[in-house]
Amino acid sequence: MSSRDEERQLWQHGPFSCVMVSCCSGAELQIRKSLPEQRDEEIILRELYPTKSDLYERARELSSEYPG
């Protein structure tokens, strides 16, 4: 990730979190799962969007698919 990229957590349900990584070329939505035994996160879904508004809409849809 370059120094100009921005990362923002949009929601978290239990071990799952939705993160937006944006830069000048668009926005990437990531669903991450916490791995406490490894103190790390695994990216389980990655989608690219040309606009943040499209990404926010998709994040709201995914929120109900990843219960805490």
N, C-alpha and C. Protein backbone atom coordinates (compact mmCIF):
# COMPACT_ATOMS: atom_id res chain seq x y z
N MET A 1 0.85 -1.17 0.00
CA MET A 1 0.00 0.00 0.00
C MET A 1 0.90 1.23 0.00
N SER A 2 0.67 2.15 -0.90
CA SER A 2 1.51 3.34 -0.98
C SER A 2 1.12 4.33 0.10
N SER A 3 1.96 5.32 0.31
CA SER A 3 1.71 6.30 1.35
C SER A 3 0.48 7.16 1.05
N ARG A 4 0.01 7.19 -0.20
CA ARG A 4 -1.16 7.98 -0.56
C ARG A 4 -2.45 7.19 -0.41
N ASP A 5 -2.40 5.91 -0.22
CA ASP A 5 -3.59 5.10 -0.05
C ASP A 5 -4.23 5.40 1.30
N GLU A 6 -5.54 5.30 1.33
CA GLU A 6 -6.31 5.52 2.55
C GLU A 6 -7.02 4.22 2.90
N GLU A 7 -6.99 3.83 4.16
CA GLU A 7 -7.67 2.61 4.60
C GLU A 7 -8.66 2.99 5.69
N ARG A 8 -9.92 2.54 5.54
CA ARG A 8 -10.95 2.87 6.51
C ARG A 8 -11.81 1.65 6.78
N GLN A 9 -12.00 1.32 8.05
CA GLN A 9 -12.89 0.21 8.41
C GLN A 9 -14.32 0.73 8.37
N LEU A 10 -15.19 0.02 7.64
CA LEU A 10 -16.58 0.43 7.48
C LEU A 10 -17.49 -0.24 8.49
N TRP A 11 -17.23 -1.50 8.80
CA TRP A 11 -17.98 -2.20 9.84
C TRP A 11 -17.19 -3.39 10.34
N GLN A 12 -17.60 -3.90 11.52
CA GLN A 12 -17.01 -5.12 12.07
C GLN A 12 -18.09 -5.91 12.76
N HIS A 13 -18.16 -7.20 12.44
CA HIS A 13 -19.10 -8.13 13.07
C HIS A 13 -18.29 -9.33 13.54
N GLY A 14 -18.05 -9.42 14.83
CA GLY A 14 -17.26 -10.53 15.35
C GLY A 14 -15.89 -10.53 14.70
N PRO A 15 -15.48 -11.68 14.13
CA PRO A 15 -14.15 -11.76 13.53
C PRO A 15 -14.06 -11.13 12.14
N PHE A 16 -15.20 -10.70 11.57
CA PHE A 16 -15.21 -10.16 10.22
C PHE A 16 -15.22 -8.64 10.24
N SER A 17 -14.45 -8.04 9.34
CA SER A 17 -14.47 -6.59 9.18
C SER A 17 -14.47 -6.26 7.70
N CYS A 18 -15.09 -5.13 7.39
CA CYS A 18 -15.14 -4.62 6.03
C CYS A 18 -14.28 -3.37 5.98
N VAL A 19 -13.33 -3.36 5.05
CA VAL A 19 -12.36 -2.28 4.96
C VAL A 19 -12.37 -1.72 3.55
N MET A 20 -12.30 -0.39 3.46
CA MET A 20 -12.15 0.27 2.18
C MET A 20 -10.71 0.76 2.07
N VAL A 21 -10.06 0.41 0.97
CA VAL A 21 -8.73 0.92 0.66
C VAL A 21 -8.90 1.74 -0.60
N SER A 22 -8.64 3.04 -0.49
CA SER A 22 -8.84 3.90 -1.66
C SER A 22 -7.55 4.60 -2.04
N CYS A 23 -7.46 4.87 -3.31
CA CYS A 23 -6.33 5.62 -3.85
C CYS A 23 -6.82 6.35 -5.08
N CYS A 24 -5.94 6.96 -5.81
CA CYS A 24 -6.33 7.77 -6.97
C CYS A 24 -6.99 6.96 -8.08
N SER A 25 -6.75 5.66 -8.14
CA SER A 25 -7.29 4.86 -9.23
C SER A 25 -8.62 4.19 -8.91
N GLY A 26 -9.20 4.42 -7.74
CA GLY A 26 -10.47 3.81 -7.38
C GLY A 26 -10.48 3.36 -5.94
N ALA A 27 -11.33 2.40 -5.63
CA ALA A 27 -11.47 1.93 -4.26
C ALA A 27 -11.58 0.41 -4.26
N GLU A 28 -10.99 -0.18 -3.25
CA GLU A 28 -11.03 -1.64 -3.08
C GLU A 28 -11.76 -1.95 -1.79
N LEU A 29 -12.72 -2.86 -1.89
CA LEU A 29 -13.44 -3.35 -0.72
C LEU A 29 -12.80 -4.67 -0.31
N GLN A 30 -12.53 -4.82 0.98
CA GLN A 30 -11.98 -6.07 1.49
C GLN A 30 -12.82 -6.54 2.67
N ILE A 31 -13.13 -7.82 2.69
CA ILE A 31 -13.68 -8.45 3.88
C ILE A 31 -12.53 -9.23 4.48
N ARG A 32 -12.26 -8.95 5.74
CA ARG A 32 -11.15 -9.60 6.44
C ARG A 32 -11.68 -10.39 7.62
N LYS A 33 -11.01 -11.48 7.90
CA LYS A 33 -11.36 -12.31 9.05
C LYS A 33 -10.17 -12.32 9.99
N SER A 34 -10.43 -11.98 11.25
CA SER A 34 -9.38 -12.00 12.26
C SER A 34 -8.98 -13.43 12.57
N LEU A 35 -7.68 -13.64 12.71
CA LEU A 35 -7.14 -14.93 13.08
C LEU A 35 -6.38 -14.74 14.40
N PRO A 36 -7.12 -14.80 15.53
CA PRO A 36 -6.51 -14.47 16.82
C PRO A 36 -5.31 -15.35 17.18
N GLU A 37 -5.35 -16.60 16.77
CA GLU A 37 -4.25 -17.49 17.09
C GLU A 37 -2.96 -17.07 16.39
N GLN A 38 -3.09 -16.34 15.29
CA GLN A 38 -1.92 -15.86 14.56
C GLN A 38 -1.74 -14.35 14.70
N ARG A 39 -2.66 -13.69 15.41
CA ARG A 39 -2.64 -12.22 15.56
C ARG A 39 -2.52 -11.53 14.20
N ASP A 40 -3.33 -12.00 13.28
CA ASP A 40 -3.27 -11.50 11.91
C ASP A 40 -4.68 -11.50 11.33
N GLU A 41 -4.82 -11.01 10.12
CA GLU A 41 -6.09 -11.03 9.40
C GLU A 41 -5.89 -11.68 8.05
N GLU A 42 -6.94 -12.37 7.62
CA GLU A 42 -6.94 -13.00 6.30
C GLU A 42 -7.96 -12.26 5.45
N ILE A 43 -7.59 -11.87 4.25
CA ILE A 43 -8.52 -11.25 3.32
C ILE A 43 -9.30 -12.37 2.63
N ILE A 44 -10.62 -12.38 2.86
CA ILE A 44 -11.43 -13.46 2.29
C ILE A 44 -12.25 -13.00 1.09
N LEU A 45 -12.33 -11.68 0.87
CA LEU A 45 -13.03 -11.14 -0.29
C LEU A 45 -12.37 -9.83 -0.67
N ARG A 46 -12.17 -9.64 -1.95
CA ARG A 46 -11.57 -8.40 -2.46
C ARG A 46 -12.30 -8.03 -3.75
N GLU A 47 -12.85 -6.80 -3.77
CA GLU A 47 -13.56 -6.31 -4.95
C GLU A 47 -13.12 -4.88 -5.23
N LEU A 48 -12.99 -4.54 -6.51
CA LEU A 48 -12.58 -3.21 -6.93
C LEU A 48 -13.77 -2.41 -7.44
N TYR A 49 -13.82 -1.12 -7.12
CA TYR A 49 -14.91 -0.24 -7.54
C TYR A 49 -14.35 1.07 -8.05
N PRO A 50 -14.97 1.63 -9.11
CA PRO A 50 -14.49 2.91 -9.64
C PRO A 50 -14.85 4.09 -8.74
N THR A 51 -15.92 3.96 -7.94
CA THR A 51 -16.34 5.06 -7.07
C THR A 51 -16.57 4.56 -5.64
N LYS A 52 -16.40 5.46 -4.70
CA LYS A 52 -16.64 5.11 -3.30
C LYS A 52 -18.12 4.85 -3.04
N SER A 53 -19.01 5.55 -3.73
CA SER A 53 -20.44 5.35 -3.49
C SER A 53 -20.86 3.92 -3.84
N ASP A 54 -20.34 3.37 -4.93
CA ASP A 54 -20.62 1.97 -5.28
C ASP A 54 -20.09 1.03 -4.21
N LEU A 55 -18.92 1.33 -3.72
CA LEU A 55 -18.31 0.49 -2.69
C LEU A 55 -19.14 0.52 -1.40
N TYR A 56 -19.59 1.71 -0.98
CA TYR A 56 -20.39 1.82 0.24
C TYR A 56 -21.69 1.02 0.12
N GLU A 57 -22.32 1.07 -1.04
CA GLU A 57 -23.55 0.31 -1.25
C GLU A 57 -23.29 -1.19 -1.11
N ARG A 58 -22.22 -1.66 -1.72
CA ARG A 58 -21.87 -3.08 -1.62
C ARG A 58 -21.52 -3.46 -0.18
N ALA A 59 -20.84 -2.59 0.54
CA ALA A 59 -20.50 -2.87 1.94
C ALA A 59 -21.75 -3.05 2.78
N ARG A 60 -22.77 -2.24 2.53
CA ARG A 60 -24.05 -2.39 3.26
C ARG A 60 -24.69 -3.74 2.95
N GLU A 61 -24.64 -4.16 1.68
CA GLU A 61 -25.21 -5.46 1.30
C GLU A 61 -24.47 -6.60 2.02
N LEU A 62 -23.16 -6.52 2.05
CA LEU A 62 -22.36 -7.59 2.66
C LEU A 62 -22.49 -7.64 4.17
N SER A 63 -22.87 -6.55 4.77
CA SER A 63 -22.97 -6.51 6.23
C SER A 63 -23.89 -7.59 6.79
N SER A 64 -24.96 -7.88 6.09
CA SER A 64 -25.91 -8.90 6.56
C SER A 64 -25.42 -10.33 6.28
N GLU A 65 -24.43 -10.48 5.41
CA GLU A 65 -23.93 -11.81 5.07
C GLU A 65 -22.83 -12.31 6.01
N TYR A 66 -22.31 -11.43 6.84
CA TYR A 66 -21.23 -11.80 7.76
C TYR A 66 -21.64 -11.49 9.19
N PRO A 67 -22.42 -12.38 9.80
CA PRO A 67 -22.87 -12.13 11.17
C PRO A 67 -21.72 -12.28 12.16
N GLY A 68 -21.86 -11.61 13.26
CA GLY A 68 -20.84 -11.66 14.31
C GLY A 68 -21.03 -12.83 15.15
